[in-house]
Amino acid sequence: MDDKKAFNEKRLMELARKVSQDEQFINLETFNDEMTISQVVRFFNRYGKNFTKTMIQNYVRVGVIPPPVDKRYYTKNHLILLTLVDNLKLIYSLDEIKTVFSPILKNSTSFEDDIIKVSDLYKDYIQLHTKALKDWKEYLPNTLEEVNKKLEEYSIGDNEKDTASVFMLVLTIMAETIALKKLIHLITEEYLNNNK
């Protein structure tokens, strides 16, 4: 770890801020045009999002997003859902995303009967996502402190403390991620799965 920065609360929060800064959502508030699939791909490419025509067509085919208007044009609502899918697919499968979207998007071929307007859903998701990242300011330092207290039980040399601390913190966060994913699965199975 010679050329790496020491791992401490300050460095942990620097990394957390980097994640927060990387999580920039596309501002679609004023967007009102309809676009062809090629225009959608170019639009997202300008924002560093890697979409292809095939990906978008697949999302429509499997029912994650409604088909384009007049079989050709994608609207602001399509762009919102594509942005959400892009964010969620980092951890969740398309089937999981579809299951979560399905009760809100009652009719997979239209946005007309949605329980929550897609534009409101997007705005709320951004707010909740931002709040979750802000909650890290308390959660991460507390978790690191717990990890470091646990490590005091072991006789770890000074030159290995950072490695042990990083390992235990990552392992703790991974365990919590697994527990959250299991909880999400149980909730979606019981309340969102249309197959029951």
Protein backbone atom coordinates (compact mmCIF):
# COMPACT_ATOMS: atom_id res chain seq x y z
CA MET A 1 0.00 0.00 0.00
CA ASP A 2 3.04 2.25 -0.40
CA ASP A 3 1.64 4.53 -3.10
CA LYS A 4 -1.96 4.33 -1.87
CA LYS A 5 -3.49 6.83 0.50
CA ALA A 6 -3.94 5.70 4.09
CA PHE A 7 -7.38 4.24 4.65
CA ASN A 8 -9.21 6.20 7.29
CA GLU A 9 -12.56 7.94 7.76
CA LYS A 10 -11.45 10.94 5.70
CA ARG A 11 -10.41 8.73 2.75
CA LEU A 12 -13.61 6.66 3.05
CA MET A 13 -15.73 9.81 2.83
CA GLU A 14 -13.67 11.05 -0.16
CA LEU A 15 -14.53 7.79 -1.94
CA ALA A 16 -18.19 8.14 -0.94
CA ARG A 17 -18.25 11.69 -2.36
CA LYS A 18 -16.79 10.35 -5.60
CA VAL A 19 -19.68 7.88 -5.85
CA SER A 20 -22.12 10.72 -5.16
CA GLN A 21 -20.55 12.87 -7.87
CA ASP A 22 -20.56 9.99 -10.35
CA GLU A 23 -24.29 9.45 -9.77
CA GLN A 24 -25.42 12.31 -11.95
CA PHE A 25 -28.90 11.92 -13.36
CA ILE A 26 -29.87 13.39 -16.70
CA ASN A 27 -32.11 16.44 -16.40
CA LEU A 28 -35.19 15.58 -18.42
CA GLU A 29 -37.50 18.24 -16.93
CA THR A 30 -37.76 20.37 -20.05
CA PHE A 31 -37.56 17.56 -22.58
CA ASN A 32 -40.76 17.29 -24.65
CA ASP A 33 -39.73 15.93 -28.04
CA GLU A 34 -40.26 12.51 -29.49
CA MET A 35 -37.18 10.72 -30.82
CA THR A 36 -36.43 7.79 -33.06
CA ILE A 37 -34.34 5.00 -31.59
CA SER A 38 -31.18 6.33 -33.29
CA GLN A 39 -31.78 9.75 -31.74
CA VAL A 40 -32.29 8.14 -28.32
CA VAL A 41 -28.96 6.31 -28.61
CA ARG A 42 -27.18 9.56 -29.61
CA PHE A 43 -28.94 11.46 -26.80
CA PHE A 44 -27.70 9.03 -24.15
CA ASN A 45 -24.22 8.82 -25.68
CA ARG A 46 -23.87 12.59 -25.14
CA TYR A 47 -24.32 11.92 -21.41
CA GLY A 48 -21.88 9.02 -21.34
CA LYS A 49 -24.61 6.37 -21.17
CA ASN A 50 -23.94 3.35 -23.33
CA PHE A 51 -27.21 2.39 -25.00
CA THR A 52 -27.57 0.52 -28.27
CA LYS A 53 -30.60 0.07 -30.50
CA THR A 54 -30.61 -3.64 -29.68
CA MET A 55 -30.62 -2.97 -25.92
CA ILE A 56 -33.57 -0.59 -26.18
CA GLN A 57 -35.49 -2.94 -28.47
CA ASN A 58 -34.84 -5.76 -25.99
CA TYR A 59 -36.20 -3.66 -23.10
CA VAL A 60 -39.38 -3.14 -25.14
CA ARG A 61 -39.57 -6.79 -26.22
CA VAL A 62 -39.36 -8.14 -22.67
CA GLY A 63 -41.79 -5.50 -21.37
CA VAL A 64 -39.47 -3.44 -19.18
CA ILE A 65 -40.55 -0.29 -21.04
CA PRO A 66 -43.59 0.33 -23.25
CA PRO A 67 -43.16 0.23 -27.03
CA PRO A 68 -42.49 3.46 -28.90
CA VAL A 69 -45.39 5.67 -29.94
CA ASP A 70 -46.63 4.77 -33.43
CA LYS A 71 -44.01 1.98 -33.36
CA ARG A 72 -41.34 4.59 -33.93
CA TYR A 73 -41.09 7.45 -31.42
CA TYR A 74 -39.71 7.44 -27.91
CA THR A 75 -40.99 10.06 -25.47
CA LYS A 76 -39.71 11.72 -22.31
CA ASN A 77 -41.32 8.88 -20.33
CA HIS A 78 -39.32 6.33 -22.31
CA LEU A 79 -36.11 8.28 -21.62
CA ILE A 80 -36.93 8.40 -17.91
CA LEU A 81 -37.47 4.64 -17.75
CA LEU A 82 -34.31 4.01 -19.77
CA THR A 83 -32.35 6.18 -17.32
CA LEU A 84 -33.78 4.25 -14.37
CA VAL A 85 -33.07 0.91 -16.06
CA ASP A 86 -29.49 2.04 -16.74
CA ASN A 87 -29.03 2.87 -13.06
CA LEU A 88 -30.76 -0.23 -11.67
CA LYS A 89 -29.18 -2.76 -14.02
CA LEU A 90 -25.85 -2.26 -12.29
CA ILE A 91 -27.15 -4.60 -9.59
CA TYR A 92 -30.51 -5.98 -10.69
CA SER A 93 -31.55 -8.22 -13.58
CA LEU A 94 -34.04 -7.07 -16.20
CA ASP A 95 -36.58 -9.50 -14.74
CA GLU A 96 -36.19 -7.91 -11.31
CA ILE A 97 -36.51 -4.41 -12.77
CA LYS A 98 -39.58 -5.45 -14.77
CA THR A 99 -41.16 -6.93 -11.63
CA VAL A 100 -40.60 -3.68 -9.74
CA PHE A 101 -41.89 -1.51 -12.61
CA SER A 102 -44.92 -3.69 -13.46
CA PRO A 103 -47.40 -2.54 -10.78
CA ILE A 104 -46.71 1.11 -11.55
CA LEU A 105 -46.81 0.63 -15.32
CA LYS A 106 -50.16 -1.14 -15.35
CA ASN A 107 -50.28 -1.40 -19.13
CA SER A 108 -46.94 -2.33 -20.63
CA THR A 109 -47.93 -0.79 -23.97
CA SER A 110 -48.84 2.68 -22.72
CA PHE A 111 -48.16 5.32 -20.06
CA GLU A 112 -51.82 6.35 -19.84
CA ASP A 113 -52.92 4.36 -16.77
CA ASP A 114 -49.79 4.48 -14.65
CA ILE A 115 -50.34 4.54 -10.88
CA ILE A 116 -47.57 7.14 -10.53
CA LYS A 117 -46.69 9.50 -13.35
CA VAL A 118 -43.31 8.48 -14.74
CA SER A 119 -41.99 12.05 -14.45
CA ASP A 120 -42.93 12.09 -10.73
CA LEU A 121 -41.39 8.64 -10.27
CA TYR A 122 -38.11 9.90 -11.74
CA LYS A 123 -38.06 13.03 -9.58
CA ASP A 124 -38.82 11.00 -6.43
CA TYR A 125 -36.21 8.36 -7.30
CA ILE A 126 -33.54 11.04 -7.66
CA GLN A 127 -34.53 12.57 -4.29
CA LEU A 128 -34.52 9.20 -2.51
CA HIS A 129 -31.23 8.23 -4.16
CA THR A 130 -29.66 11.53 -3.10
CA LYS A 131 -30.93 11.04 0.47
CA ALA A 132 -29.48 7.51 0.57
CA LEU A 133 -26.08 8.88 -0.44
CA LYS A 134 -26.32 11.65 2.19
CA ASP A 135 -27.13 9.02 4.83
CA TRP A 136 -23.66 7.60 4.15
CA LYS A 137 -22.20 10.59 6.04
CA GLU A 138 -23.35 8.98 9.27
CA TYR A 139 -23.49 5.32 8.30
CA LEU A 140 -20.02 4.86 6.79
CA PRO A 141 -17.97 6.46 9.60
CA ASN A 142 -19.99 4.50 12.20
CA THR A 143 -19.46 1.25 10.32
CA LEU A 144 -15.75 1.92 9.92
CA GLU A 145 -15.50 2.65 13.65
CA GLU A 146 -17.24 -0.66 14.44
CA VAL A 147 -14.90 -2.50 12.08
CA ASN A 148 -11.82 -0.91 13.63
CA LYS A 149 -13.03 -1.77 17.15
CA LYS A 150 -13.48 -5.37 16.03
CA LEU A 151 -9.94 -5.38 14.58
CA GLU A 152 -8.50 -4.24 17.92
CA GLU A 153 -9.25 -7.77 19.14
CA TYR A 154 -6.55 -9.08 16.80
CA SER A 155 -2.84 -8.46 16.89
CA ILE A 156 -2.46 -6.85 13.49
CA GLY A 157 0.75 -5.03 12.62
CA ASP A 158 0.59 -1.32 11.79
CA ASN A 159 1.57 -1.99 8.18
CA GLU A 160 -1.43 -4.34 7.75
CA LYS A 161 -4.12 -2.34 9.57
CA ASP A 162 -5.34 -0.56 6.43
CA THR A 163 -5.66 -3.81 4.51
CA ALA A 164 -7.54 -5.49 7.36
CA SER A 165 -9.78 -2.45 7.83
CA VAL A 166 -10.61 -2.27 4.12
CA PHE A 167 -11.28 -6.01 4.00
CA MET A 168 -13.62 -5.95 7.00
CA LEU A 169 -15.47 -2.84 5.82
CA VAL A 170 -15.99 -4.25 2.33
CA LEU A 171 -17.09 -7.59 3.77
CA THR A 172 -19.57 -5.81 6.07
CA ILE A 173 -21.02 -3.75 3.22
CA MET A 174 -21.25 -6.87 1.03
CA ALA A 175 -23.12 -8.73 3.80
CA GLU A 176 -25.56 -5.83 4.12
CA THR A 177 -26.00 -5.71 0.34
CA ILE A 178 -26.82 -9.42 0.29
CA ALA A 179 -29.33 -8.99 3.13
CA LEU A 180 -30.96 -6.03 1.34
CA LYS A 181 -31.15 -7.95 -1.93
CA LYS A 182 -32.83 -10.87 -0.12
CA LEU A 183 -35.29 -8.46 1.52
CA ILE A 184 -36.07 -6.88 -1.85
CA HIS A 185 -36.67 -10.35 -3.28
CA LEU A 186 -39.08 -11.26 -0.46
CA ILE A 187 -41.00 -7.99 -0.79
CA THR A 188 -41.27 -8.22 -4.58
CA GLU A 189 -42.33 -11.88 -4.40
CA GLU A 190 -45.09 -11.13 -1.92
CA TYR A 191 -46.34 -7.76 -3.12
CA LEU A 192 -45.21 -7.07 -6.68
CA ASN A 193 -45.05 -10.42 -8.43
CA ASN A 194 -48.07 -10.74 -10.75
CA ASN A 195 -47.63 -14.49 -11.06
CA LYS A 196 -49.36 -15.19 -7.74
